Amino acid sequence: MMRKSMDNVNHSGGAEPEHVLELIHTVMHQVRSQQYQVLRDGPHTITHMETKVLGFFGRHPGATQTDLAQHSGRDKAQLARLIKGLREQGLLDAQADTVDRRSVRLALTAQGRAVLDALEQASAHLAVQAVAGLSAEEQGQLLALLQRVRQNLAAPKG
């Protein structure tokens, strides 16, 4: 991987906005890499989106693919492929709705719950590692600053 060299001659000494976003991206890449390292040696190869789907059905057992699409804003065809793959791996179970047989209710299997629990446990350990050495006040400041960045990005462009 090729790294950008820093131009220290013309650098003002302050943080440039693009460096902030690059660092946020790098930190999230490190987080995801370490999260999924836990599952790499297991029987399932789980992608980021599959983890999101498992998490949704873990929080909303009995929800439908339509519920997931509305929640995530993702394409229904993409979600159908993800759900099919998770069902084939034995991580999601499907049951016909008792009222509307055309609708399928989805929930984690015991194996799906175990995979999700492993990822959540790894995430909790990683969160502790990530903020090690930061005081509670510093953690609060970091959280507030990141929330402001998120709000700035969510604001209407104008």
N, C-alpha and C. Protein backbone atom coordinates (compact mmCIF):
# COMPACT_ATOMS: atom_id res chain seq x y z
N MET A 1 0.84 -1.16 0.00
CA MET A 1 0.00 0.00 0.00
C MET A 1 0.89 1.23 0.00
N MET A 2 0.57 2.17 -0.85
CA MET A 2 1.35 3.39 -0.97
C MET A 2 0.81 4.44 -0.01
N ARG A 3 1.66 5.03 0.76
CA ARG A 3 1.26 6.06 1.72
C ARG A 3 1.58 7.44 1.17
N LYS A 4 0.75 8.40 1.52
CA LYS A 4 0.98 9.78 1.15
C LYS A 4 2.12 10.34 1.98
N SER A 5 3.01 11.08 1.36
CA SER A 5 4.06 11.73 2.14
C SER A 5 3.53 13.08 2.60
N MET A 6 3.97 13.51 3.75
CA MET A 6 3.53 14.78 4.31
C MET A 6 4.43 15.90 3.80
N ASP A 7 3.83 16.99 3.42
CA ASP A 7 4.56 18.17 2.99
C ASP A 7 4.70 19.07 4.21
N ASN A 8 5.81 18.91 4.93
CA ASN A 8 6.02 19.66 6.16
C ASN A 8 6.39 21.12 5.91
N VAL A 9 6.85 21.43 4.72
CA VAL A 9 7.23 22.80 4.41
C VAL A 9 5.99 23.69 4.35
N ASN A 10 4.95 23.23 3.67
CA ASN A 10 3.75 24.03 3.49
C ASN A 10 2.64 23.68 4.49
N HIS A 11 2.94 22.84 5.44
CA HIS A 11 1.94 22.41 6.41
C HIS A 11 1.83 23.46 7.50
N SER A 12 0.62 23.88 7.79
CA SER A 12 0.41 24.97 8.74
C SER A 12 0.52 24.54 10.19
N GLY A 13 0.59 23.23 10.45
CA GLY A 13 0.67 22.75 11.83
C GLY A 13 -0.68 22.38 12.39
N GLY A 14 -1.77 22.84 11.76
CA GLY A 14 -3.11 22.48 12.21
C GLY A 14 -3.60 21.25 11.49
N ALA A 15 -4.63 20.64 12.02
CA ALA A 15 -5.22 19.47 11.38
C ALA A 15 -6.06 19.92 10.19
N GLU A 16 -5.78 19.32 9.05
CA GLU A 16 -6.56 19.63 7.86
C GLU A 16 -7.78 18.71 7.82
N PRO A 17 -8.92 19.22 7.36
CA PRO A 17 -10.15 18.42 7.39
C PRO A 17 -10.01 17.04 6.74
N GLU A 18 -9.30 16.95 5.63
CA GLU A 18 -9.16 15.63 4.98
C GLU A 18 -8.38 14.65 5.83
N HIS A 19 -7.48 15.15 6.67
CA HIS A 19 -6.72 14.27 7.56
C HIS A 19 -7.64 13.69 8.65
N VAL A 20 -8.61 14.48 9.10
CA VAL A 20 -9.56 14.00 10.10
C VAL A 20 -10.35 12.82 9.52
N LEU A 21 -10.87 12.98 8.31
CA LEU A 21 -11.65 11.90 7.70
C LEU A 21 -10.78 10.69 7.40
N GLU A 22 -9.55 10.91 6.97
CA GLU A 22 -8.64 9.78 6.73
C GLU A 22 -8.40 9.00 8.02
N LEU A 23 -8.22 9.71 9.12
CA LEU A 23 -7.98 9.04 10.40
C LEU A 23 -9.22 8.28 10.87
N ILE A 24 -10.40 8.88 10.71
CA ILE A 24 -11.63 8.19 11.08
C ILE A 24 -11.75 6.90 10.26
N HIS A 25 -11.47 6.99 8.97
CA HIS A 25 -11.53 5.81 8.10
C HIS A 25 -10.53 4.74 8.55
N THR A 26 -9.32 5.16 8.86
CA THR A 26 -8.29 4.22 9.30
C THR A 26 -8.68 3.53 10.60
N VAL A 27 -9.20 4.30 11.54
CA VAL A 27 -9.62 3.73 12.82
C VAL A 27 -10.74 2.71 12.60
N MET A 28 -11.73 3.04 11.77
CA MET A 28 -12.82 2.10 11.52
C MET A 28 -12.33 0.85 10.79
N HIS A 29 -11.36 1.01 9.91
CA HIS A 29 -10.78 -0.16 9.24
C HIS A 29 -10.11 -1.07 10.27
N GLN A 30 -9.37 -0.48 11.20
CA GLN A 30 -8.72 -1.26 12.26
C GLN A 30 -9.77 -1.98 13.12
N VAL A 31 -10.83 -1.28 13.47
CA VAL A 31 -11.89 -1.86 14.29
C VAL A 31 -12.50 -3.06 13.59
N ARG A 32 -12.91 -2.88 12.33
CA ARG A 32 -13.54 -3.98 11.59
C ARG A 32 -12.59 -5.14 11.41
N SER A 33 -11.35 -4.86 11.11
CA SER A 33 -10.37 -5.91 10.92
C SER A 33 -10.22 -6.75 12.19
N GLN A 34 -10.13 -6.09 13.32
CA GLN A 34 -9.98 -6.81 14.59
C GLN A 34 -11.26 -7.52 15.00
N GLN A 35 -12.44 -6.94 14.69
CA GLN A 35 -13.70 -7.61 14.99
C GLN A 35 -13.81 -8.94 14.23
N TYR A 36 -13.52 -8.90 12.96
CA TYR A 36 -13.73 -10.08 12.13
C TYR A 36 -12.61 -11.10 12.26
N GLN A 37 -11.50 -10.71 12.84
CA GLN A 37 -10.43 -11.66 13.10
C GLN A 37 -10.93 -12.76 14.04
N VAL A 38 -11.83 -12.41 14.95
CA VAL A 38 -12.41 -13.36 15.89
C VAL A 38 -13.16 -14.46 15.13
N LEU A 39 -13.86 -14.09 14.08
CA LEU A 39 -14.70 -15.05 13.36
C LEU A 39 -13.97 -15.76 12.22
N ARG A 40 -12.82 -15.25 11.81
CA ARG A 40 -12.11 -15.85 10.67
C ARG A 40 -11.76 -17.31 10.90
N ASP A 41 -11.41 -17.65 12.13
CA ASP A 41 -11.01 -19.02 12.43
C ASP A 41 -12.21 -19.92 12.72
N GLY A 42 -13.40 -19.34 12.78
CA GLY A 42 -14.60 -20.12 13.06
C GLY A 42 -15.14 -20.77 11.80
N PRO A 43 -16.25 -21.47 11.93
CA PRO A 43 -16.82 -22.20 10.80
C PRO A 43 -17.51 -21.30 9.77
N HIS A 44 -17.72 -20.03 10.10
CA HIS A 44 -18.45 -19.13 9.20
C HIS A 44 -17.59 -17.95 8.79
N THR A 45 -17.66 -17.63 7.52
CA THR A 45 -17.00 -16.43 7.02
C THR A 45 -18.09 -15.37 6.91
N ILE A 46 -18.06 -14.42 7.79
CA ILE A 46 -19.11 -13.42 7.90
C ILE A 46 -18.61 -12.08 7.36
N THR A 47 -19.38 -11.48 6.48
CA THR A 47 -19.04 -10.16 5.95
C THR A 47 -19.65 -9.09 6.86
N HIS A 48 -19.25 -7.86 6.62
CA HIS A 48 -19.78 -6.73 7.39
C HIS A 48 -21.29 -6.65 7.24
N MET A 49 -21.79 -6.74 6.01
CA MET A 49 -23.24 -6.63 5.79
C MET A 49 -23.99 -7.81 6.40
N GLU A 50 -23.42 -9.01 6.35
CA GLU A 50 -24.06 -10.16 6.97
C GLU A 50 -24.17 -9.96 8.48
N THR A 51 -23.14 -9.36 9.06
CA THR A 51 -23.18 -9.08 10.49
C THR A 51 -24.28 -8.08 10.81
N LYS A 52 -24.44 -7.08 9.96
CA LYS A 52 -25.52 -6.10 10.14
C LYS A 52 -26.88 -6.79 10.09
N VAL A 53 -27.06 -7.72 9.14
CA VAL A 53 -28.32 -8.45 9.01
C VAL A 53 -28.57 -9.31 10.24
N LEU A 54 -27.55 -10.04 10.69
CA LEU A 54 -27.69 -10.85 11.90
C LEU A 54 -28.06 -9.97 13.10
N GLY A 55 -27.39 -8.83 13.21
CA GLY A 55 -27.67 -7.91 14.31
C GLY A 55 -29.11 -7.41 14.29
N PHE A 56 -29.61 -7.11 13.09
CA PHE A 56 -30.99 -6.63 12.97
C PHE A 56 -31.97 -7.70 13.46
N PHE A 57 -31.79 -8.94 12.96
CA PHE A 57 -32.72 -10.00 13.36
C PHE A 57 -32.49 -10.46 14.79
N GLY A 58 -31.30 -10.22 15.32
CA GLY A 58 -31.06 -10.47 16.74
C GLY A 58 -31.83 -9.50 17.61
N ARG A 59 -31.92 -8.25 17.16
CA ARG A 59 -32.67 -7.22 17.90
C ARG A 59 -34.16 -7.25 17.60
N HIS A 60 -34.52 -7.80 16.41
CA HIS A 60 -35.92 -7.81 15.97
C HIS A 60 -36.32 -9.21 15.49
N PRO A 61 -36.32 -10.19 16.39
CA PRO A 61 -36.68 -11.54 15.96
C PRO A 61 -38.11 -11.55 15.42
N GLY A 62 -38.29 -12.25 14.31
CA GLY A 62 -39.61 -12.33 13.70
C GLY A 62 -39.88 -11.21 12.70
N ALA A 63 -38.92 -10.34 12.49
CA ALA A 63 -39.07 -9.28 11.50
C ALA A 63 -38.99 -9.90 10.10
N THR A 64 -39.37 -9.14 9.11
CA THR A 64 -39.36 -9.61 7.73
C THR A 64 -38.24 -8.96 6.94
N GLN A 65 -38.04 -9.47 5.74
CA GLN A 65 -37.05 -8.86 4.83
C GLN A 65 -37.46 -7.42 4.51
N THR A 66 -38.75 -7.18 4.40
CA THR A 66 -39.25 -5.83 4.14
C THR A 66 -38.91 -4.90 5.30
N ASP A 67 -39.06 -5.41 6.53
CA ASP A 67 -38.69 -4.60 7.71
C ASP A 67 -37.21 -4.22 7.65
N LEU A 68 -36.38 -5.19 7.29
CA LEU A 68 -34.93 -4.93 7.18
C LEU A 68 -34.65 -3.90 6.10
N ALA A 69 -35.31 -4.02 4.97
CA ALA A 69 -35.11 -3.07 3.86
C ALA A 69 -35.50 -1.66 4.28
N GLN A 70 -36.62 -1.54 4.98
CA GLN A 70 -37.06 -0.22 5.45
C GLN A 70 -36.09 0.35 6.47
N HIS A 71 -35.58 -0.50 7.34
CA HIS A 71 -34.64 -0.06 8.38
C HIS A 71 -33.29 0.35 7.79
N SER A 72 -32.80 -0.44 6.85
CA SER A 72 -31.44 -0.23 6.35
C SER A 72 -31.36 0.67 5.12
N GLY A 73 -32.47 0.77 4.38
CA GLY A 73 -32.43 1.54 3.14
C GLY A 73 -31.69 0.82 2.02
N ARG A 74 -31.39 -0.45 2.21
CA ARG A 74 -30.66 -1.25 1.21
C ARG A 74 -31.60 -1.82 0.16
N ASP A 75 -31.04 -2.19 -0.95
CA ASP A 75 -31.75 -2.80 -2.05
C ASP A 75 -32.31 -4.16 -1.64
N LYS A 76 -33.58 -4.42 -1.96
CA LYS A 76 -34.22 -5.68 -1.57
C LYS A 76 -33.54 -6.89 -2.17
N ALA A 77 -33.05 -6.77 -3.40
CA ALA A 77 -32.38 -7.90 -4.05
C ALA A 77 -31.08 -8.24 -3.31
N GLN A 78 -30.32 -7.22 -2.91
CA GLN A 78 -29.08 -7.44 -2.16
C GLN A 78 -29.39 -8.11 -0.82
N LEU A 79 -30.43 -7.64 -0.16
CA LEU A 79 -30.82 -8.22 1.12
C LEU A 79 -31.30 -9.66 0.96
N ALA A 80 -32.02 -9.93 -0.12
CA ALA A 80 -32.49 -11.29 -0.37
C ALA A 80 -31.31 -12.25 -0.52
N ARG A 81 -30.26 -11.81 -1.22
CA ARG A 81 -29.06 -12.65 -1.37
C ARG A 81 -28.37 -12.86 -0.02
N LEU A 82 -28.26 -11.81 0.77
CA LEU A 82 -27.63 -11.93 2.09
C LEU A 82 -28.42 -12.89 2.98
N ILE A 83 -29.73 -12.73 3.00
CA ILE A 83 -30.58 -13.59 3.82
C ILE A 83 -30.49 -15.03 3.35
N LYS A 84 -30.52 -15.25 2.05
CA LYS A 84 -30.41 -16.61 1.51
C LYS A 84 -29.10 -17.26 1.97
N GLY A 85 -28.00 -16.52 1.87
CA GLY A 85 -26.70 -17.04 2.29
C GLY A 85 -26.65 -17.35 3.77
N LEU A 86 -27.24 -16.49 4.59
CA LEU A 86 -27.25 -16.72 6.04
C LEU A 86 -28.14 -17.92 6.40
N ARG A 87 -29.22 -18.10 5.66
CA ARG A 87 -30.06 -19.28 5.88
C ARG A 87 -29.32 -20.55 5.48
N GLU A 88 -28.60 -20.49 4.36
CA GLU A 88 -27.83 -21.66 3.90
C GLU A 88 -26.73 -22.03 4.88
N GLN A 89 -26.18 -21.03 5.57
CA GLN A 89 -25.14 -21.29 6.57
C GLN A 89 -25.74 -21.75 7.90
N GLY A 90 -27.06 -21.74 8.00
CA GLY A 90 -27.71 -22.16 9.23
C GLY A 90 -27.73 -21.10 10.31
N LEU A 91 -27.59 -19.83 9.92
CA LEU A 91 -27.55 -18.74 10.90
C LEU A 91 -28.89 -18.04 11.07
N LEU A 92 -29.75 -18.14 10.06
CA LEU A 92 -31.09 -17.55 10.10
C LEU A 92 -32.12 -18.63 9.84
N ASP A 93 -33.24 -18.52 10.53
CA ASP A 93 -34.36 -19.43 10.33
C ASP A 93 -35.54 -18.62 9.80
N ALA A 94 -36.33 -19.23 8.93
CA ALA A 94 -37.48 -18.56 8.35
C ALA A 94 -38.75 -19.35 8.66
N GLN A 95 -39.79 -18.63 9.03
CA GLN A 95 -41.10 -19.23 9.29
C GLN A 95 -42.15 -18.39 8.58
N ALA A 96 -43.12 -19.07 7.95
CA ALA A 96 -44.21 -18.34 7.31
C ALA A 96 -45.01 -17.62 8.38
N ASP A 97 -45.45 -16.42 8.05
CA ASP A 97 -46.28 -15.62 8.95
C ASP A 97 -47.60 -16.35 9.15
N THR A 98 -48.09 -16.39 10.38
CA THR A 98 -49.33 -17.10 10.67
C THR A 98 -50.56 -16.42 10.06
N VAL A 99 -50.50 -15.11 9.87
CA VAL A 99 -51.62 -14.37 9.30
C VAL A 99 -51.50 -14.27 7.79
N ASP A 100 -50.32 -13.94 7.29
CA ASP A 100 -50.08 -13.77 5.85
C ASP A 100 -49.00 -14.76 5.41
N ARG A 101 -49.41 -15.86 4.83
CA ARG A 101 -48.49 -16.93 4.44
C ARG A 101 -47.47 -16.48 3.39
N ARG A 102 -47.71 -15.36 2.71
CA ARG A 102 -46.75 -14.85 1.72
C ARG A 102 -45.56 -14.19 2.41
N SER A 103 -45.75 -13.78 3.64
CA SER A 103 -44.72 -13.09 4.41
C SER A 103 -43.91 -14.10 5.21
N VAL A 104 -42.59 -13.91 5.24
CA VAL A 104 -41.69 -14.82 5.96
C VAL A 104 -41.07 -14.06 7.13
N ARG A 105 -41.18 -14.64 8.30
CA ARG A 105 -40.58 -14.08 9.51
C ARG A 105 -39.22 -14.72 9.73
N LEU A 106 -38.23 -13.90 10.04
CA LEU A 106 -36.85 -14.38 10.19
C LEU A 106 -36.35 -14.18 11.62
N ALA A 107 -35.54 -15.12 12.06
CA ALA A 107 -34.95 -15.04 13.41
C ALA A 107 -33.61 -15.77 13.38
N LEU A 108 -32.77 -15.44 14.32
CA LEU A 108 -31.49 -16.13 14.45
C LEU A 108 -31.70 -17.56 14.89
N THR A 109 -30.89 -18.45 14.36
CA THR A 109 -30.82 -19.81 14.90
C THR A 109 -29.89 -19.76 16.11
N ALA A 110 -29.78 -20.86 16.83
CA ALA A 110 -28.85 -20.91 17.96
C ALA A 110 -27.43 -20.65 17.46
N GLN A 111 -27.11 -21.20 16.30
CA GLN A 111 -25.78 -20.99 15.72
C GLN A 111 -25.59 -19.51 15.33
N GLY A 112 -26.63 -18.90 14.78
CA GLY A 112 -26.57 -17.47 14.44
C GLY A 112 -26.39 -16.61 15.66
N ARG A 113 -27.08 -16.95 16.74
CA ARG A 113 -26.94 -16.21 17.99
C ARG A 113 -25.52 -16.34 18.52
N ALA A 114 -24.94 -17.54 18.42
CA ALA A 114 -23.57 -17.76 18.90
C ALA A 114 -22.57 -16.92 18.11
N VAL A 115 -22.75 -16.85 16.80
CA VAL A 115 -21.86 -16.05 15.95
C VAL A 115 -22.00 -14.58 16.32
N LEU A 116 -23.23 -14.10 16.45
CA LEU A 116 -23.46 -12.70 16.80
C LEU A 116 -22.92 -12.39 18.19
N ASP A 117 -23.13 -13.29 19.14
CA ASP A 117 -22.61 -13.08 20.50
C ASP A 117 -21.08 -12.98 20.49
N ALA A 118 -20.42 -13.83 19.69
CA ALA A 118 -18.95 -13.78 19.61
C ALA A 118 -18.49 -12.44 19.07
N LEU A 119 -19.16 -11.95 18.05
CA LEU A 119 -18.79 -10.66 17.48
C LEU A 119 -19.05 -9.52 18.46
N GLU A 120 -20.18 -9.57 19.16
CA GLU A 120 -20.50 -8.52 20.13
C GLU A 120 -19.51 -8.53 21.30
N GLN A 121 -19.11 -9.72 21.73
CA GLN A 121 -18.12 -9.83 22.81
C GLN A 121 -16.78 -9.26 22.36
N ALA A 122 -16.38 -9.59 21.14
CA ALA A 122 -15.12 -9.06 20.60
C ALA A 122 -15.20 -7.54 20.48
N SER A 123 -16.36 -7.03 20.08
CA SER A 123 -16.55 -5.58 19.95
C SER A 123 -16.44 -4.89 21.30
N ALA A 124 -17.00 -5.52 22.33
CA ALA A 124 -16.92 -4.93 23.67
C ALA A 124 -15.47 -4.86 24.15
N HIS A 125 -14.70 -5.94 23.93
CA HIS A 125 -13.28 -5.94 24.31
C HIS A 125 -12.51 -4.90 23.51
N LEU A 126 -12.84 -4.80 22.24
CA LEU A 126 -12.17 -3.85 21.36
C LEU A 126 -12.46 -2.41 21.77
N ALA A 127 -13.69 -2.16 22.20
CA ALA A 127 -14.05 -0.81 22.64
C ALA A 127 -13.22 -0.41 23.86
N VAL A 128 -13.04 -1.33 24.78
CA VAL A 128 -12.23 -1.06 25.97
C VAL A 128 -10.78 -0.79 25.56
N GLN A 129 -10.27 -1.62 24.64
CA GLN A 129 -8.90 -1.43 24.15
C GLN A 129 -8.74 -0.08 23.46
N ALA A 130 -9.74 0.30 22.67
CA ALA A 130 -9.65 1.53 21.88
C ALA A 130 -9.55 2.79 22.74
N VAL A 131 -10.21 2.79 23.88
CA VAL A 131 -10.20 4.00 24.72
C VAL A 131 -9.29 3.86 25.94
N ALA A 132 -8.46 2.82 25.96
CA ALA A 132 -7.53 2.64 27.07
C ALA A 132 -6.65 3.88 27.21
N GLY A 133 -6.52 4.33 28.42
CA GLY A 133 -5.68 5.50 28.67
C GLY A 133 -6.42 6.83 28.55
N LEU A 134 -7.65 6.80 28.09
CA LEU A 134 -8.45 8.03 28.03
C LEU A 134 -9.29 8.11 29.29
N SER A 135 -9.32 9.28 29.90
CA SER A 135 -10.16 9.47 31.08
C SER A 135 -11.63 9.48 30.64
N ALA A 136 -12.52 9.37 31.61
CA ALA A 136 -13.95 9.44 31.30
C ALA A 136 -14.28 10.78 30.63
N GLU A 137 -13.64 11.84 31.07
CA GLU A 137 -13.87 13.16 30.48
C GLU A 137 -13.39 13.19 29.03
N GLU A 138 -12.22 12.62 28.77
CA GLU A 138 -11.70 12.58 27.40
C GLU A 138 -12.58 11.73 26.49
N GLN A 139 -13.07 10.62 27.03
CA GLN A 139 -13.98 9.78 26.25
C GLN A 139 -15.25 10.56 25.90
N GLY A 140 -15.77 11.32 26.86
CA GLY A 140 -16.95 12.16 26.61
C GLY A 140 -16.68 13.21 25.55
N GLN A 141 -15.49 13.83 25.62
CA GLN A 141 -15.12 14.85 24.62
C GLN A 141 -15.02 14.23 23.23
N LEU A 142 -14.38 13.06 23.15
CA LEU A 142 -14.23 12.38 21.87
C LEU A 142 -15.60 12.03 21.30
N LEU A 143 -16.46 11.51 22.13
CA LEU A 143 -17.81 11.16 21.69
C LEU A 143 -18.56 12.40 21.20
N ALA A 144 -18.47 13.48 21.94
CA ALA A 144 -19.15 14.72 21.53
C ALA A 144 -18.61 15.25 20.21
N LEU A 145 -17.30 15.19 20.03
CA LEU A 145 -16.70 15.68 18.78
C LEU A 145 -17.13 14.81 17.59
N LEU A 146 -17.13 13.50 17.78
CA LEU A 146 -17.55 12.61 16.69
C LEU A 146 -19.03 12.79 16.37
N GLN A 147 -19.84 13.06 17.38
CA GLN A 147 -21.26 13.33 17.14
C GLN A 147 -21.43 14.61 16.32
N ARG A 148 -20.60 15.61 16.59
CA ARG A 148 -20.66 16.85 15.81
C ARG A 148 -20.26 16.60 14.36
N VAL A 149 -19.23 15.77 14.15
CA VAL A 149 -18.82 15.42 12.78
C VAL A 149 -19.99 14.73 12.07
N ARG A 150 -20.63 13.78 12.75
CA ARG A 150 -21.77 13.07 12.16
C ARG A 150 -22.89 14.05 11.82
N GLN A 151 -23.20 14.97 12.73
CA GLN A 151 -24.25 15.96 12.48
C GLN A 151 -23.90 16.86 11.29
N ASN A 152 -22.64 17.25 11.20
CA ASN A 152 -22.21 18.07 10.07
C ASN A 152 -22.42 17.34 8.75
N LEU A 153 -22.12 16.05 8.73
CA LEU A 153 -22.28 15.29 7.50
C LEU A 153 -23.75 15.02 7.17
N ALA A 154 -24.58 14.98 8.20
CA ALA A 154 -26.00 14.73 7.99
C ALA A 154 -26.78 16.00 7.63
N ALA A 155 -26.18 17.16 7.88
CA ALA A 155 -26.86 18.44 7.62
C ALA A 155 -27.06 18.62 6.12
N PRO A 156 -28.15 19.30 5.77
CA PRO A 156 -28.39 19.58 4.34
C PRO A 156 -27.23 20.39 3.75
N LYS A 157 -26.87 20.03 2.55
CA LYS A 157 -25.77 20.75 1.87
C LYS A 157 -26.33 22.03 1.30
N GLY A 158 -25.60 23.09 1.51
CA GLY A 158 -26.15 24.33 1.00
C GLY A 158 -25.22 25.43 0.99
